[in-house]
Amino acid sequence: MTDKTDEKYLNTDTEELNNICDECKDEDESVTQNLILTGFKLCKSCRVSKTIFPL
């Protein structure tokens, strides 16, 4: 019984770490790094642009 619940959480975690930016929809390695650091799924370039132009 616990194996099924562990698999469910593992699948949702894997889907969340898919390296696809929420802003530009490009795949980049920095998306996972920024998700861990800031909690947002942004690539490096989108993070810089959000820092400079926060609107």
Foldseek 3Di string as FASTA:
>chain_A
DVVVVVVVVVVVVVVVPQQAAPPPRDRDPCQNVCCVVPVHRHHPVVVVVCVVVVD
